[in-house]
Amino acid sequence: MNIKVKNVKIVVTVPPENVNEVRKSICEIGSGIIGNYTYCSTSTKSIGTFMPNSVANPYIGENNKLEFVDEEKLEVVCDVENVKAVITKLREVHPYEEPAIDIIPLLDESSFS
């Protein structure tokens, strides 16, 4: 088996009111391409939890108080060559001081016999 990672999945949680802006921005820079389709993404409603410490500058919530907030988990595929540019743009447009970003390597079906 010859495995070479060509694509990753980028997953980030976003406040519902910001998800369309984040999606548009990261797809404009090259994520969300699957075959002949662009702007491919999916989002799932979720509940996020966090507690900003005393030096944090939270977009939502209060320092030193546990927060439960509605979020959407936004997922897009991305060519490995473009990950850095997409993550840079994501951080630029995301409202959170520290967005939770997952970068998951994807295996292509051609890697399997």
N, C-alpha and C. Protein backbone atom coordinates (compact mmCIF):
# COMPACT_ATOMS: atom_id res chain seq x y z
N MET A 1 0.85 -1.17 0.00
CA MET A 1 0.00 0.00 0.00
C MET A 1 0.90 1.24 0.00
N ASN A 2 0.66 2.11 -0.96
CA ASN A 2 1.42 3.36 -1.07
C ASN A 2 0.49 4.50 -0.68
N ILE A 3 0.73 5.08 0.50
CA ILE A 3 -0.16 6.13 0.99
C ILE A 3 0.54 7.47 0.91
N LYS A 4 -0.09 8.38 0.21
CA LYS A 4 0.38 9.76 0.14
C LYS A 4 -0.81 10.66 0.43
N VAL A 5 -0.68 11.50 1.41
CA VAL A 5 -1.78 12.40 1.79
C VAL A 5 -1.74 13.61 0.86
N LYS A 6 -2.83 13.79 0.11
CA LYS A 6 -2.96 14.92 -0.80
C LYS A 6 -3.92 15.98 -0.27
N ASN A 7 -4.85 15.51 0.57
CA ASN A 7 -5.87 16.41 1.09
C ASN A 7 -6.03 16.24 2.60
N VAL A 8 -6.52 17.29 3.23
CA VAL A 8 -6.86 17.24 4.65
C VAL A 8 -8.29 17.72 4.79
N LYS A 9 -8.87 17.44 5.93
CA LYS A 9 -10.15 18.04 6.29
C LYS A 9 -9.86 19.07 7.37
N ILE A 10 -10.33 20.27 7.16
CA ILE A 10 -10.20 21.32 8.16
C ILE A 10 -11.55 21.47 8.84
N VAL A 11 -11.53 21.37 10.16
CA VAL A 11 -12.75 21.45 10.97
C VAL A 11 -12.55 22.59 11.97
N VAL A 12 -13.53 23.46 12.07
CA VAL A 12 -13.46 24.58 13.01
C VAL A 12 -14.86 24.88 13.54
N THR A 13 -14.96 25.22 14.81
CA THR A 13 -16.24 25.65 15.36
C THR A 13 -16.36 27.16 15.25
N VAL A 14 -17.57 27.60 14.89
CA VAL A 14 -17.81 29.01 14.59
C VAL A 14 -19.17 29.41 15.16
N PRO A 15 -19.32 30.62 15.69
CA PRO A 15 -20.65 31.08 16.09
C PRO A 15 -21.57 31.07 14.86
N PRO A 16 -22.83 30.67 15.01
CA PRO A 16 -23.74 30.57 13.86
C PRO A 16 -23.81 31.85 13.01
N GLU A 17 -23.74 32.99 13.65
CA GLU A 17 -23.85 34.25 12.91
C GLU A 17 -22.62 34.56 12.06
N ASN A 18 -21.53 33.83 12.26
CA ASN A 18 -20.29 34.06 11.50
C ASN A 18 -19.95 32.95 10.52
N VAL A 19 -20.72 31.86 10.53
CA VAL A 19 -20.32 30.68 9.75
C VAL A 19 -20.31 30.96 8.25
N ASN A 20 -21.25 31.72 7.72
CA ASN A 20 -21.26 31.98 6.28
C ASN A 20 -20.07 32.82 5.84
N GLU A 21 -19.69 33.80 6.66
CA GLU A 21 -18.52 34.63 6.34
C GLU A 21 -17.24 33.79 6.36
N VAL A 22 -17.08 32.95 7.36
CA VAL A 22 -15.89 32.09 7.45
C VAL A 22 -15.87 31.12 6.27
N ARG A 23 -16.99 30.48 5.99
CA ARG A 23 -17.08 29.54 4.86
C ARG A 23 -16.68 30.22 3.55
N LYS A 24 -17.29 31.36 3.27
CA LYS A 24 -17.01 32.09 2.03
C LYS A 24 -15.53 32.46 1.93
N SER A 25 -14.97 32.96 3.01
CA SER A 25 -13.58 33.40 3.00
C SER A 25 -12.60 32.26 2.75
N ILE A 26 -12.81 31.10 3.41
CA ILE A 26 -11.85 30.02 3.24
C ILE A 26 -12.06 29.27 1.91
N CYS A 27 -13.29 29.30 1.39
CA CYS A 27 -13.51 28.69 0.08
C CYS A 27 -12.98 29.58 -1.04
N GLU A 28 -13.05 30.89 -0.86
CA GLU A 28 -12.50 31.81 -1.87
C GLU A 28 -11.00 31.64 -2.03
N ILE A 29 -10.32 31.20 -0.96
CA ILE A 29 -8.87 31.05 -1.02
C ILE A 29 -8.45 29.63 -1.41
N GLY A 30 -9.44 28.73 -1.66
CA GLY A 30 -9.08 27.44 -2.23
C GLY A 30 -9.45 26.19 -1.47
N SER A 31 -10.14 26.29 -0.35
CA SER A 31 -10.61 25.05 0.29
C SER A 31 -11.99 24.73 -0.26
N GLY A 32 -12.49 23.54 0.06
CA GLY A 32 -13.83 23.17 -0.35
C GLY A 32 -13.95 22.72 -1.80
N ILE A 33 -12.86 22.25 -2.39
CA ILE A 33 -12.89 21.77 -3.77
C ILE A 33 -12.92 20.24 -3.76
N ILE A 34 -13.94 19.68 -4.37
CA ILE A 34 -14.06 18.23 -4.53
C ILE A 34 -14.38 17.97 -6.00
N GLY A 35 -13.41 17.43 -6.72
CA GLY A 35 -13.61 17.17 -8.15
C GLY A 35 -13.95 18.44 -8.90
N ASN A 36 -15.09 18.43 -9.58
CA ASN A 36 -15.54 19.58 -10.37
C ASN A 36 -16.42 20.55 -9.59
N TYR A 37 -16.42 20.43 -8.27
CA TYR A 37 -17.26 21.27 -7.42
C TYR A 37 -16.41 22.14 -6.51
N THR A 38 -16.87 23.37 -6.30
CA THR A 38 -16.20 24.28 -5.37
C THR A 38 -17.19 24.68 -4.27
N TYR A 39 -16.68 25.34 -3.25
CA TYR A 39 -17.49 25.78 -2.11
C TYR A 39 -18.19 24.59 -1.42
N CYS A 40 -17.56 23.41 -1.46
CA CYS A 40 -18.12 22.24 -0.77
C CYS A 40 -17.80 22.33 0.71
N SER A 41 -18.82 22.23 1.53
CA SER A 41 -18.62 22.26 2.98
C SER A 41 -19.82 21.59 3.63
N THR A 42 -19.68 21.34 4.90
CA THR A 42 -20.80 20.90 5.70
C THR A 42 -20.68 21.54 7.06
N SER A 43 -21.81 21.75 7.70
CA SER A 43 -21.76 22.28 9.06
C SER A 43 -22.80 21.56 9.90
N THR A 44 -22.46 21.39 11.16
CA THR A 44 -23.29 20.70 12.12
C THR A 44 -23.46 21.58 13.35
N LYS A 45 -24.68 21.72 13.80
CA LYS A 45 -24.91 22.50 15.03
C LYS A 45 -24.29 21.76 16.21
N SER A 46 -23.69 22.52 17.11
CA SER A 46 -23.06 21.92 18.29
C SER A 46 -23.14 22.89 19.46
N ILE A 47 -22.79 22.39 20.62
CA ILE A 47 -22.68 23.21 21.82
C ILE A 47 -21.21 23.21 22.22
N GLY A 48 -20.62 24.38 22.29
CA GLY A 48 -19.22 24.51 22.70
C GLY A 48 -19.14 24.95 24.14
N THR A 49 -18.06 24.53 24.81
CA THR A 49 -17.82 24.99 26.18
C THR A 49 -16.41 25.54 26.27
N PHE A 50 -16.23 26.51 27.13
CA PHE A 50 -14.92 27.11 27.35
C PHE A 50 -14.98 28.01 28.57
N MET A 51 -13.81 28.27 29.15
CA MET A 51 -13.70 29.21 30.25
C MET A 51 -12.51 30.12 29.97
N PRO A 52 -12.76 31.38 29.58
CA PRO A 52 -11.65 32.31 29.35
C PRO A 52 -10.94 32.63 30.67
N ASN A 53 -9.61 32.60 30.64
CA ASN A 53 -8.90 32.96 31.88
C ASN A 53 -8.90 34.48 32.06
N SER A 54 -8.23 34.96 33.07
CA SER A 54 -8.31 36.38 33.42
C SER A 54 -7.64 37.31 32.42
N VAL A 55 -6.76 36.81 31.55
CA VAL A 55 -6.11 37.68 30.56
C VAL A 55 -6.69 37.51 29.16
N ALA A 56 -7.67 36.61 28.99
CA ALA A 56 -8.30 36.40 27.70
C ALA A 56 -9.17 37.59 27.32
N ASN A 57 -9.41 37.72 26.02
CA ASN A 57 -10.30 38.75 25.50
C ASN A 57 -11.41 38.04 24.72
N PRO A 58 -12.39 37.45 25.43
CA PRO A 58 -13.38 36.61 24.76
C PRO A 58 -14.36 37.37 23.88
N TYR A 59 -14.65 36.78 22.71
CA TYR A 59 -15.67 37.31 21.80
C TYR A 59 -17.05 37.11 22.42
N ILE A 60 -17.22 35.97 23.08
CA ILE A 60 -18.45 35.60 23.76
C ILE A 60 -18.10 35.24 25.20
N GLY A 61 -18.93 35.61 26.15
CA GLY A 61 -18.74 35.17 27.52
C GLY A 61 -17.93 36.12 28.37
N GLU A 62 -17.64 35.64 29.58
CA GLU A 62 -16.94 36.44 30.57
C GLU A 62 -15.71 35.70 31.07
N ASN A 63 -14.71 36.46 31.47
CA ASN A 63 -13.49 35.86 32.03
C ASN A 63 -13.82 35.06 33.28
N ASN A 64 -13.14 33.91 33.40
CA ASN A 64 -13.24 33.03 34.57
C ASN A 64 -14.65 32.48 34.81
N LYS A 65 -15.47 32.40 33.76
CA LYS A 65 -16.81 31.85 33.88
C LYS A 65 -16.99 30.80 32.78
N LEU A 66 -17.41 29.59 33.17
CA LEU A 66 -17.65 28.52 32.21
C LEU A 66 -18.83 28.90 31.32
N GLU A 67 -18.61 28.82 30.01
CA GLU A 67 -19.63 29.20 29.04
C GLU A 67 -20.09 27.99 28.24
N PHE A 68 -21.36 27.95 27.90
CA PHE A 68 -21.96 26.97 27.00
C PHE A 68 -22.59 27.79 25.88
N VAL A 69 -22.11 27.60 24.64
CA VAL A 69 -22.59 28.44 23.54
C VAL A 69 -22.98 27.59 22.33
N ASP A 70 -23.97 28.08 21.59
CA ASP A 70 -24.33 27.47 20.32
C ASP A 70 -23.22 27.78 19.32
N GLU A 71 -22.80 26.75 18.59
CA GLU A 71 -21.79 26.89 17.56
C GLU A 71 -22.17 26.01 16.38
N GLU A 72 -21.46 26.20 15.27
CA GLU A 72 -21.54 25.27 14.15
C GLU A 72 -20.14 24.75 13.90
N LYS A 73 -20.06 23.45 13.68
CA LYS A 73 -18.79 22.82 13.31
C LYS A 73 -18.73 22.84 11.79
N LEU A 74 -17.85 23.65 11.24
CA LEU A 74 -17.69 23.82 9.80
C LEU A 74 -16.57 22.91 9.31
N GLU A 75 -16.83 22.14 8.25
CA GLU A 75 -15.85 21.20 7.71
C GLU A 75 -15.67 21.42 6.21
N VAL A 76 -14.41 21.47 5.78
CA VAL A 76 -14.07 21.57 4.36
C VAL A 76 -12.86 20.70 4.07
N VAL A 77 -12.74 20.25 2.83
CA VAL A 77 -11.51 19.58 2.41
C VAL A 77 -10.57 20.63 1.86
N CYS A 78 -9.27 20.29 1.89
CA CYS A 78 -8.28 21.25 1.43
C CYS A 78 -7.05 20.50 0.93
N ASP A 79 -6.52 20.91 -0.20
CA ASP A 79 -5.27 20.37 -0.72
C ASP A 79 -4.15 20.71 0.26
N VAL A 80 -3.25 19.76 0.53
CA VAL A 80 -2.18 20.01 1.51
C VAL A 80 -1.32 21.20 1.13
N GLU A 81 -1.20 21.47 -0.17
CA GLU A 81 -0.40 22.61 -0.63
C GLU A 81 -1.00 23.95 -0.22
N ASN A 82 -2.29 23.96 0.12
CA ASN A 82 -3.00 25.20 0.39
C ASN A 82 -3.38 25.38 1.86
N VAL A 83 -3.02 24.43 2.70
CA VAL A 83 -3.47 24.46 4.11
C VAL A 83 -3.02 25.73 4.82
N LYS A 84 -1.78 26.10 4.71
CA LYS A 84 -1.28 27.28 5.45
C LYS A 84 -2.04 28.54 5.07
N ALA A 85 -2.28 28.74 3.77
CA ALA A 85 -3.02 29.93 3.34
C ALA A 85 -4.46 29.92 3.86
N VAL A 86 -5.09 28.75 3.84
CA VAL A 86 -6.47 28.65 4.32
C VAL A 86 -6.54 28.90 5.82
N ILE A 87 -5.63 28.31 6.58
CA ILE A 87 -5.62 28.52 8.04
C ILE A 87 -5.34 29.98 8.38
N THR A 88 -4.43 30.59 7.65
CA THR A 88 -4.13 32.01 7.87
C THR A 88 -5.37 32.86 7.64
N LYS A 89 -6.10 32.60 6.55
CA LYS A 89 -7.33 33.35 6.24
C LYS A 89 -8.40 33.06 7.28
N LEU A 90 -8.52 31.79 7.68
CA LEU A 90 -9.51 31.41 8.69
C LEU A 90 -9.29 32.20 9.98
N ARG A 91 -8.05 32.26 10.45
CA ARG A 91 -7.74 33.01 11.68
C ARG A 91 -8.03 34.50 11.51
N GLU A 92 -7.85 35.01 10.30
CA GLU A 92 -8.08 36.42 10.02
C GLU A 92 -9.56 36.79 10.13
N VAL A 93 -10.46 35.91 9.67
CA VAL A 93 -11.88 36.24 9.63
C VAL A 93 -12.68 35.67 10.80
N HIS A 94 -12.11 34.71 11.52
CA HIS A 94 -12.82 34.08 12.63
C HIS A 94 -12.92 35.04 13.81
N PRO A 95 -14.08 35.15 14.45
CA PRO A 95 -14.21 36.12 15.53
C PRO A 95 -13.52 35.73 16.83
N TYR A 96 -13.25 34.43 17.04
CA TYR A 96 -12.66 34.00 18.30
C TYR A 96 -11.19 34.37 18.39
N GLU A 97 -10.77 34.69 19.59
CA GLU A 97 -9.36 34.95 19.88
C GLU A 97 -8.51 33.72 19.58
N GLU A 98 -9.00 32.54 19.93
CA GLU A 98 -8.31 31.26 19.72
C GLU A 98 -9.29 30.24 19.15
N PRO A 99 -9.51 30.22 17.83
CA PRO A 99 -10.43 29.23 17.28
C PRO A 99 -9.86 27.81 17.42
N ALA A 100 -10.74 26.85 17.68
CA ALA A 100 -10.35 25.45 17.76
C ALA A 100 -10.35 24.89 16.33
N ILE A 101 -9.17 24.57 15.81
CA ILE A 101 -9.01 24.12 14.43
C ILE A 101 -8.43 22.71 14.43
N ASP A 102 -9.10 21.79 13.72
CA ASP A 102 -8.56 20.44 13.50
C ASP A 102 -8.12 20.34 12.05
N ILE A 103 -6.95 19.75 11.83
CA ILE A 103 -6.46 19.47 10.48
C ILE A 103 -6.26 17.96 10.43
N ILE A 104 -7.11 17.28 9.67
CA ILE A 104 -7.15 15.82 9.65
C ILE A 104 -6.68 15.32 8.29
N PRO A 105 -5.60 14.51 8.24
CA PRO A 105 -5.16 13.97 6.95
C PRO A 105 -6.20 13.01 6.39
N LEU A 106 -6.43 13.08 5.08
CA LEU A 106 -7.38 12.21 4.42
C LEU A 106 -6.65 11.22 3.50
N LEU A 107 -7.08 9.98 3.53
CA LEU A 107 -6.53 8.97 2.64
C LEU A 107 -7.38 8.91 1.38
N ASP A 108 -6.73 8.89 0.23
CA ASP A 108 -7.42 8.78 -1.04
C ASP A 108 -7.73 7.32 -1.32
N GLU A 109 -8.87 7.03 -1.90
CA GLU A 109 -9.24 5.64 -2.15
C GLU A 109 -8.26 4.94 -3.08
N SER A 110 -7.49 5.70 -3.87
CA SER A 110 -6.50 5.07 -4.75
C SER A 110 -5.34 4.47 -3.97
N SER A 111 -5.23 4.79 -2.68
CA SER A 111 -4.19 4.22 -1.83
C SER A 111 -4.47 2.77 -1.48
N PHE A 112 -5.69 2.32 -1.72
CA PHE A 112 -6.10 0.97 -1.34
C PHE A 112 -6.24 0.09 -2.58
N SER A 113 -5.85 -1.17 -2.42
CA SER A 113 -5.97 -2.07 -3.57
C SER A 113 -7.28 -2.78 -3.60
